[in-house]
């Protein structure tokens, strides 16, 4: 007596058609899930990247078209502006932005030695206050309803310090 290792069954055309339709349906369902998961992944990654974009990068994007900056220097005793310096060289204006570091500063109780007002044409884009005194080197600004205090670094720190020293009231 021979062992039966396999059985042969003839598949009708209708059964074959039904199997193909079932296979296509399963693949479509699977592809739909894959596309859904892929879209979820892309959305999550874009949200993470969007949330991690730094506030300094956002600041630089906001001021990318700035072509003029007014520097107001404040009296140490009264805090009122006593000097105004206007820079209307776009390259110099953009260079000033390079001195705003990513490093947060603690809430300093130093006050401010001046302010910056950035313009595109005659339209004011943003105001920032700064301090260039030793131990108090920082700049404060508002962006998207949030307040930021960042460390001032070269070359901006040197430029603002030089203007402050040259125009200081004795």
Protein backbone atom coordinates (compact mmCIF):
# COMPACT_ATOMS: atom_id res chain seq x y z
CA UNK A 1 0.00 0.00 0.00
CA UNK A 2 1.51 3.25 -1.09
CA UNK A 3 1.53 6.27 1.20
CA UNK A 4 -0.28 9.23 -0.17
CA UNK A 5 2.14 12.17 0.03
CA UNK A 6 -0.04 14.71 -1.64
CA UNK A 7 -3.37 15.05 -3.27
CA UNK A 8 -4.12 16.70 -6.54
CA UNK A 9 -7.19 18.79 -6.86
CA UNK A 10 -8.19 20.59 -9.97
CA UNK A 11 -9.12 24.23 -9.42
CA UNK A 12 -11.89 25.61 -11.51
CA UNK A 13 -11.65 28.95 -13.30
CA UNK A 14 -14.23 30.44 -10.95
CA UNK A 15 -12.25 29.38 -7.86
CA UNK A 16 -9.05 30.77 -9.38
CA UNK A 17 -10.82 34.07 -10.10
CA UNK A 18 -12.15 34.19 -6.53
CA UNK A 19 -8.66 33.52 -5.14
CA UNK A 20 -7.16 36.31 -7.26
CA UNK A 21 -9.88 38.71 -6.15
CA UNK A 22 -9.25 37.78 -2.51
CA UNK A 23 -5.49 38.22 -2.96
CA UNK A 24 -5.95 41.64 -4.62
CA UNK A 25 -8.34 42.69 -1.85
CA UNK A 26 -5.81 41.64 0.82
CA UNK A 27 -3.00 43.48 -0.96
CA UNK A 28 -5.10 46.62 -1.31
CA UNK A 29 -6.00 46.48 2.35
CA UNK A 30 -2.34 45.90 3.21
CA UNK A 31 -1.20 48.77 0.95
CA UNK A 32 -3.79 51.02 2.55
CA UNK A 33 -2.39 50.19 5.97
CA UNK A 34 1.15 50.75 4.75
CA UNK A 35 0.22 54.16 3.28
CA UNK A 36 -1.60 55.07 6.46
CA UNK A 37 1.42 54.11 8.60
CA UNK A 38 3.77 55.94 6.24
CA UNK A 39 1.63 59.08 6.43
CA UNK A 40 1.55 58.83 10.23
CA UNK A 41 5.33 58.49 10.31
CA UNK A 42 5.85 61.51 8.02
CA UNK A 43 3.45 63.59 10.12
CA UNK A 44 5.18 62.66 13.37
CA UNK A 45 8.64 63.39 11.96
CA UNK A 46 7.54 66.77 10.58
CA UNK A 47 5.98 67.72 13.93
CA UNK A 48 9.15 66.74 15.77
CA UNK A 49 11.33 68.69 13.35
CA UNK A 50 8.98 71.66 13.52
CA UNK A 51 8.98 71.64 17.31
CA UNK A 52 12.73 71.32 17.49
CA UNK A 53 13.46 74.22 15.19
CA UNK A 54 15.26 76.65 17.42
CA UNK A 55 13.88 80.01 18.40
CA UNK A 56 17.10 81.62 17.11
CA UNK A 57 16.50 80.08 13.67
CA UNK A 58 12.93 81.37 13.81
CA UNK A 59 14.28 84.79 14.76
CA UNK A 60 16.71 84.78 11.85
CA UNK A 61 13.95 83.72 9.44
CA UNK A 62 11.70 86.51 10.69
CA UNK A 63 14.48 89.07 10.23
CA UNK A 64 15.96 87.63 7.02
CA UNK A 65 14.69 90.60 5.00
CA UNK A 66 15.79 93.23 7.52
CA UNK A 67 17.82 95.90 5.77
CA UNK A 68 18.14 98.47 8.54
CA UNK A 69 18.65 98.46 12.28
CA UNK A 70 18.38 101.31 14.74
CA UNK A 71 20.51 101.01 17.86
CA UNK A 72 19.22 102.96 20.85
CA UNK A 73 21.69 103.43 23.71
CA UNK A 74 20.26 103.89 27.20
CA UNK A 75 21.45 106.05 30.07
CA UNK A 76 22.55 103.79 32.95
CA UNK A 77 20.86 105.93 35.60
CA UNK A 78 17.53 106.69 33.96
CA UNK A 79 17.21 103.93 31.35
CA UNK A 80 16.16 106.49 28.75
CA UNK A 81 17.64 106.52 25.25
CA UNK A 82 20.34 109.16 24.75
CA UNK A 83 21.86 108.09 21.42
CA UNK A 84 20.56 106.64 18.18
CA UNK A 85 22.74 104.88 15.63
CA UNK A 86 21.21 103.77 12.32
CA UNK A 87 22.81 101.05 10.21
CA UNK A 88 21.31 100.66 6.77
CA UNK A 89 23.82 98.25 5.28
CA UNK A 90 21.96 94.93 4.84
CA UNK A 91 25.11 92.81 5.30
CA UNK A 92 25.96 94.54 8.58
CA UNK A 93 22.36 94.19 9.77
CA UNK A 94 22.43 90.46 9.04
CA UNK A 95 25.85 90.13 10.71
CA UNK A 96 24.39 91.60 13.90
CA UNK A 97 21.95 88.67 14.00
CA UNK A 98 24.84 86.16 14.03
CA UNK A 99 25.74 87.28 17.54
CA UNK A 100 22.50 85.98 19.07
CA UNK A 101 23.55 82.58 20.39
CA UNK A 102 21.43 79.49 21.03
CA UNK A 103 22.49 79.62 24.68
CA UNK A 104 19.75 80.74 27.07
CA UNK A 105 20.70 83.18 29.80
CA UNK A 106 19.21 83.16 33.27
CA UNK A 107 16.89 85.96 34.30
CA UNK A 108 19.52 88.63 34.77
CA UNK A 109 18.82 91.65 36.96
CA UNK A 110 21.19 93.90 35.03
CA UNK A 111 18.82 96.13 33.14
CA UNK A 112 19.58 97.08 29.56
CA UNK A 113 22.24 99.24 27.96
CA UNK A 114 20.32 99.55 24.70
CA UNK A 115 17.77 98.31 22.21
CA UNK A 116 17.71 97.21 18.59
CA UNK A 117 14.87 97.89 16.19
CA UNK A 118 14.99 95.98 12.89
CA UNK A 119 13.35 97.28 9.71
CA UNK A 120 12.51 96.16 6.22
CA UNK A 121 12.25 99.40 4.30
CA UNK A 122 10.36 101.69 6.67
CA UNK A 123 8.40 98.89 8.35
CA UNK A 124 9.51 97.94 11.86
CA UNK A 125 9.90 94.16 12.15
CA UNK A 126 11.04 93.62 15.72
CA UNK A 127 12.47 95.24 18.86
CA UNK A 128 15.08 93.68 21.12
CA UNK A 129 16.80 94.92 24.28
CA UNK A 130 20.41 94.13 25.15
CA UNK A 131 23.09 94.55 27.76
CA UNK A 132 26.82 94.62 26.92
CA UNK A 133 28.22 95.04 30.45
CA UNK A 134 30.57 92.34 31.72
CA UNK A 135 28.61 89.48 33.27
CA UNK A 136 25.36 90.73 31.79
CA UNK A 137 25.91 90.10 28.06
CA UNK A 138 22.51 89.12 26.75
CA UNK A 139 19.68 90.08 24.43
CA UNK A 140 15.96 89.76 25.08
CA UNK A 141 13.21 89.51 22.49
CA UNK A 142 9.63 88.36 21.97
CA UNK A 143 8.79 85.79 19.30
CA UNK A 144 5.41 84.12 18.83
CA UNK A 145 4.18 85.41 22.21
CA UNK A 146 7.21 83.94 24.01
CA UNK A 147 10.02 85.89 25.65
CA UNK A 148 13.62 84.75 25.06
CA UNK A 149 16.85 85.76 26.72
CA UNK A 150 19.95 84.70 24.80
CA UNK A 151 23.66 85.19 25.30
CA UNK A 152 25.28 87.82 23.10
CA UNK A 153 28.45 86.64 21.35
CA UNK A 154 30.91 87.91 18.72
CA UNK A 155 30.71 89.85 16.49
CA UNK A 156 27.53 91.49 17.78
CA UNK A 157 28.81 91.86 21.33
CA UNK A 158 31.91 93.73 20.12
CA UNK A 159 29.95 95.98 17.76
CA UNK A 160 27.38 96.96 20.39
CA UNK A 161 30.04 97.35 23.09
CA UNK A 162 32.06 99.65 20.87
CA UNK A 163 29.05 101.85 20.07
CA UNK A 164 28.16 101.92 23.76
CA UNK A 165 31.68 102.96 24.85
CA UNK A 166 32.03 105.59 22.08
CA UNK A 167 28.70 107.22 22.88
CA UNK A 168 28.55 106.76 26.66
CA UNK A 169 27.44 109.71 28.74
CA UNK A 170 30.09 110.63 31.35
